[in-house]
Structure formats: C-alpha cells, structure tokens
Amino acid sequence: MNGNKFTYPDIIGYTLADATNILKEYGIEITEIKTTAPPRQVADAFDGNFRVLKIIAVDSSRVSLLLCKPMDN
C-alpha cells in the first residue's frame, strides 16, 4: 500500500441514486458496484433504492461501492 489517503463526500446510508448525484458533483466516478442483502434475500441486481454501506477508494477520482438491498416490508 502506498499510504495515499483520499477524501470523499460522506454518502454512507444514502440511496444509490442520491450518492451517484453527489459523487458526480465532486467529479468522482463509480467504477464498480457490489451488493449484499439481508438474510434469506438475494441481491443479484440493484437499483437506485439500494443503500450505500461502504465506499472503497480506487484513486483520487474513482471509487467502488458496496450496496445493501432495502428490506422488503
């Protein structure tokens, strides 16, 4: 690891739709999206309602996101 640290807007908990808009305002590109889901649910595909759980720095202008499927009511 090279020790570089990057700062990004705090989008944890935001919907993917809102997080995408915020990242675009800062000129940050999403390079990869991974998903997870509550127990006994599957998250093969995602949409703008999924929530951001984690942001992973790729470099100063690119990130990868981990999203969670919203619970079904």
N, C-alpha and C. Protein backbone atom coordinates (compact mmCIF):
# COMPACT_ATOMS: atom_id res chain seq x y z
N MET A 1 0.86 -1.18 0.00
CA MET A 1 0.00 0.00 0.00
C MET A 1 0.90 1.23 0.00
N ASN A 2 0.52 2.23 -0.75
CA ASN A 2 1.37 3.40 -0.91
C ASN A 2 1.13 4.49 0.13
N GLY A 3 0.18 4.33 1.00
CA GLY A 3 -0.06 5.30 2.05
C GLY A 3 -0.90 6.50 1.65
N ASN A 4 -1.32 6.58 0.38
CA ASN A 4 -2.17 7.70 -0.04
C ASN A 4 -3.55 7.56 0.58
N LYS A 5 -4.07 8.68 1.03
CA LYS A 5 -5.42 8.70 1.58
C LYS A 5 -6.23 9.69 0.75
N PHE A 6 -7.44 9.29 0.41
CA PHE A 6 -8.31 10.14 -0.38
C PHE A 6 -9.54 10.49 0.43
N THR A 7 -10.08 11.67 0.20
CA THR A 7 -11.27 12.13 0.91
C THR A 7 -12.43 12.21 -0.08
N TYR A 8 -13.56 11.65 0.34
CA TYR A 8 -14.76 11.65 -0.48
C TYR A 8 -15.92 12.17 0.34
N PRO A 9 -16.99 12.62 -0.32
CA PRO A 9 -18.18 13.04 0.43
C PRO A 9 -18.73 11.85 1.23
N ASP A 10 -19.31 12.11 2.37
CA ASP A 10 -19.88 11.06 3.21
C ASP A 10 -21.25 10.66 2.65
N ILE A 11 -21.27 9.56 1.91
CA ILE A 11 -22.50 9.10 1.28
C ILE A 11 -23.01 7.80 1.90
N ILE A 12 -22.40 7.37 3.00
CA ILE A 12 -22.83 6.14 3.67
C ILE A 12 -24.28 6.32 4.12
N GLY A 13 -25.13 5.35 3.76
CA GLY A 13 -26.54 5.40 4.12
C GLY A 13 -27.43 6.03 3.06
N TYR A 14 -26.82 6.72 2.11
CA TYR A 14 -27.60 7.34 1.04
C TYR A 14 -28.08 6.28 0.05
N THR A 15 -29.16 6.57 -0.66
CA THR A 15 -29.56 5.69 -1.74
C THR A 15 -28.53 5.80 -2.85
N LEU A 16 -28.47 4.80 -3.69
CA LEU A 16 -27.53 4.84 -4.81
C LEU A 16 -27.82 6.04 -5.71
N ALA A 17 -29.09 6.34 -5.93
CA ALA A 17 -29.46 7.47 -6.78
C ALA A 17 -28.90 8.78 -6.22
N ASP A 18 -29.08 9.02 -4.93
CA ASP A 18 -28.57 10.25 -4.31
C ASP A 18 -27.05 10.26 -4.27
N ALA A 19 -26.45 9.12 -3.93
CA ALA A 19 -24.99 9.03 -3.84
C ALA A 19 -24.35 9.28 -5.20
N THR A 20 -24.94 8.75 -6.26
CA THR A 20 -24.42 8.95 -7.61
C THR A 20 -24.41 10.43 -7.97
N ASN A 21 -25.50 11.12 -7.65
CA ASN A 21 -25.58 12.55 -7.94
C ASN A 21 -24.53 13.34 -7.17
N ILE A 22 -24.33 13.01 -5.92
CA ILE A 22 -23.34 13.71 -5.10
C ILE A 22 -21.93 13.46 -5.64
N LEU A 23 -21.63 12.20 -5.94
CA LEU A 23 -20.30 11.89 -6.46
C LEU A 23 -20.03 12.60 -7.78
N LYS A 24 -21.04 12.68 -8.64
CA LYS A 24 -20.89 13.39 -9.92
C LYS A 24 -20.55 14.86 -9.68
N GLU A 25 -21.19 15.48 -8.69
CA GLU A 25 -20.90 16.89 -8.37
C GLU A 25 -19.43 17.08 -8.00
N TYR A 26 -18.82 16.06 -7.41
CA TYR A 26 -17.42 16.13 -7.00
C TYR A 26 -16.47 15.59 -8.07
N GLY A 27 -17.03 15.18 -9.21
CA GLY A 27 -16.20 14.65 -10.29
C GLY A 27 -15.63 13.27 -10.00
N ILE A 28 -16.35 12.49 -9.19
CA ILE A 28 -15.89 11.15 -8.80
C ILE A 28 -16.69 10.10 -9.55
N GLU A 29 -15.99 9.17 -10.17
CA GLU A 29 -16.59 8.10 -10.97
C GLU A 29 -16.73 6.83 -10.15
N ILE A 30 -17.86 6.14 -10.30
CA ILE A 30 -18.07 4.83 -9.67
C ILE A 30 -17.59 3.78 -10.66
N THR A 31 -16.56 3.01 -10.28
CA THR A 31 -16.00 2.03 -11.20
C THR A 31 -16.56 0.62 -10.99
N GLU A 32 -17.07 0.34 -9.80
CA GLU A 32 -17.59 -0.99 -9.50
C GLU A 32 -18.64 -0.88 -8.42
N ILE A 33 -19.68 -1.71 -8.53
CA ILE A 33 -20.72 -1.79 -7.51
C ILE A 33 -20.90 -3.25 -7.13
N LYS A 34 -20.81 -3.52 -5.84
CA LYS A 34 -21.08 -4.85 -5.29
C LYS A 34 -22.31 -4.73 -4.41
N THR A 35 -23.04 -5.83 -4.26
CA THR A 35 -24.26 -5.80 -3.46
C THR A 35 -24.25 -6.88 -2.40
N THR A 36 -25.01 -6.61 -1.36
CA THR A 36 -25.29 -7.58 -0.31
C THR A 36 -26.77 -7.42 0.04
N ALA A 37 -27.30 -8.36 0.79
CA ALA A 37 -28.72 -8.32 1.12
C ALA A 37 -28.94 -8.89 2.51
N PRO A 38 -30.10 -8.56 3.11
CA PRO A 38 -30.43 -9.15 4.41
C PRO A 38 -30.51 -10.68 4.30
N PRO A 39 -30.44 -11.39 5.42
CA PRO A 39 -30.52 -12.85 5.39
C PRO A 39 -31.75 -13.35 4.62
N ARG A 40 -31.55 -14.42 3.90
CA ARG A 40 -32.60 -15.09 3.11
C ARG A 40 -33.13 -14.24 1.96
N GLN A 41 -32.40 -13.20 1.57
CA GLN A 41 -32.76 -12.41 0.40
C GLN A 41 -31.57 -12.41 -0.54
N VAL A 42 -31.85 -12.25 -1.82
CA VAL A 42 -30.80 -12.23 -2.83
C VAL A 42 -30.78 -10.87 -3.49
N ALA A 43 -29.57 -10.38 -3.78
CA ALA A 43 -29.43 -9.08 -4.44
C ALA A 43 -28.57 -9.24 -5.69
N ASP A 44 -29.13 -9.91 -6.72
CA ASP A 44 -28.39 -10.12 -7.96
C ASP A 44 -28.29 -8.84 -8.77
N ALA A 45 -29.34 -8.06 -8.77
CA ALA A 45 -29.39 -6.79 -9.50
C ALA A 45 -29.64 -5.68 -8.48
N PHE A 46 -29.41 -4.45 -8.90
CA PHE A 46 -29.62 -3.34 -7.98
C PHE A 46 -30.30 -2.20 -8.71
N ASP A 47 -30.87 -1.28 -7.92
CA ASP A 47 -31.49 -0.09 -8.49
C ASP A 47 -31.16 1.10 -7.59
N GLY A 48 -31.72 2.24 -7.90
CA GLY A 48 -31.42 3.47 -7.19
C GLY A 48 -31.86 3.50 -5.75
N ASN A 49 -32.67 2.53 -5.31
CA ASN A 49 -33.13 2.48 -3.92
C ASN A 49 -32.18 1.75 -2.99
N PHE A 50 -31.20 1.04 -3.53
CA PHE A 50 -30.22 0.36 -2.69
C PHE A 50 -29.44 1.40 -1.90
N ARG A 51 -28.98 1.03 -0.71
CA ARG A 51 -28.26 1.96 0.18
C ARG A 51 -26.77 1.70 0.17
N VAL A 52 -25.99 2.76 0.25
CA VAL A 52 -24.53 2.65 0.28
C VAL A 52 -24.08 2.23 1.68
N LEU A 53 -23.34 1.11 1.75
CA LEU A 53 -22.79 0.63 3.01
C LEU A 53 -21.32 1.01 3.17
N LYS A 54 -20.60 1.01 2.05
CA LYS A 54 -19.16 1.24 2.11
C LYS A 54 -18.67 1.87 0.82
N ILE A 55 -17.71 2.77 0.94
CA ILE A 55 -17.06 3.39 -0.21
C ILE A 55 -15.59 2.99 -0.17
N ILE A 56 -15.10 2.44 -1.28
CA ILE A 56 -13.72 1.96 -1.36
C ILE A 56 -12.97 2.82 -2.38
N ALA A 57 -11.86 3.41 -1.94
CA ALA A 57 -11.07 4.27 -2.83
C ALA A 57 -10.35 3.43 -3.87
N VAL A 58 -10.50 3.82 -5.13
CA VAL A 58 -9.70 3.24 -6.21
C VAL A 58 -8.52 4.17 -6.44
N ASP A 59 -8.82 5.45 -6.60
CA ASP A 59 -7.81 6.51 -6.65
C ASP A 59 -8.51 7.82 -6.31
N SER A 60 -7.89 8.95 -6.56
CA SER A 60 -8.45 10.23 -6.12
C SER A 60 -9.74 10.62 -6.81
N SER A 61 -10.08 9.98 -7.94
CA SER A 61 -11.30 10.36 -8.65
C SER A 61 -12.18 9.17 -9.01
N ARG A 62 -11.90 8.00 -8.42
CA ARG A 62 -12.71 6.81 -8.69
C ARG A 62 -12.92 6.01 -7.41
N VAL A 63 -14.14 5.46 -7.29
CA VAL A 63 -14.48 4.66 -6.12
C VAL A 63 -15.23 3.40 -6.53
N SER A 64 -15.28 2.47 -5.60
CA SER A 64 -16.09 1.27 -5.70
C SER A 64 -17.07 1.34 -4.53
N LEU A 65 -18.30 0.88 -4.74
CA LEU A 65 -19.32 0.95 -3.68
C LEU A 65 -19.83 -0.43 -3.32
N LEU A 66 -20.13 -0.62 -2.03
CA LEU A 66 -20.85 -1.79 -1.55
C LEU A 66 -22.24 -1.31 -1.17
N LEU A 67 -23.26 -1.93 -1.77
CA LEU A 67 -24.65 -1.53 -1.54
C LEU A 67 -25.41 -2.63 -0.83
N CYS A 68 -26.45 -2.26 -0.13
CA CYS A 68 -27.34 -3.21 0.53
C CYS A 68 -28.74 -3.08 -0.03
N LYS A 69 -29.33 -4.22 -0.27
CA LYS A 69 -30.72 -4.24 -0.72
C LYS A 69 -31.62 -3.80 0.42
N PRO A 70 -32.57 -2.88 0.14
CA PRO A 70 -33.51 -2.49 1.20
C PRO A 70 -34.36 -3.68 1.63
N MET A 71 -34.72 -3.70 2.89
CA MET A 71 -35.56 -4.80 3.37
C MET A 71 -36.95 -4.68 2.77
N ASP A 72 -37.50 -5.83 2.39
CA ASP A 72 -38.87 -5.88 1.90
C ASP A 72 -39.81 -5.81 3.08
N ASN A 73 -40.83 -4.98 2.98
CA ASN A 73 -41.79 -4.87 4.08
C ASN A 73 -42.96 -5.78 3.87
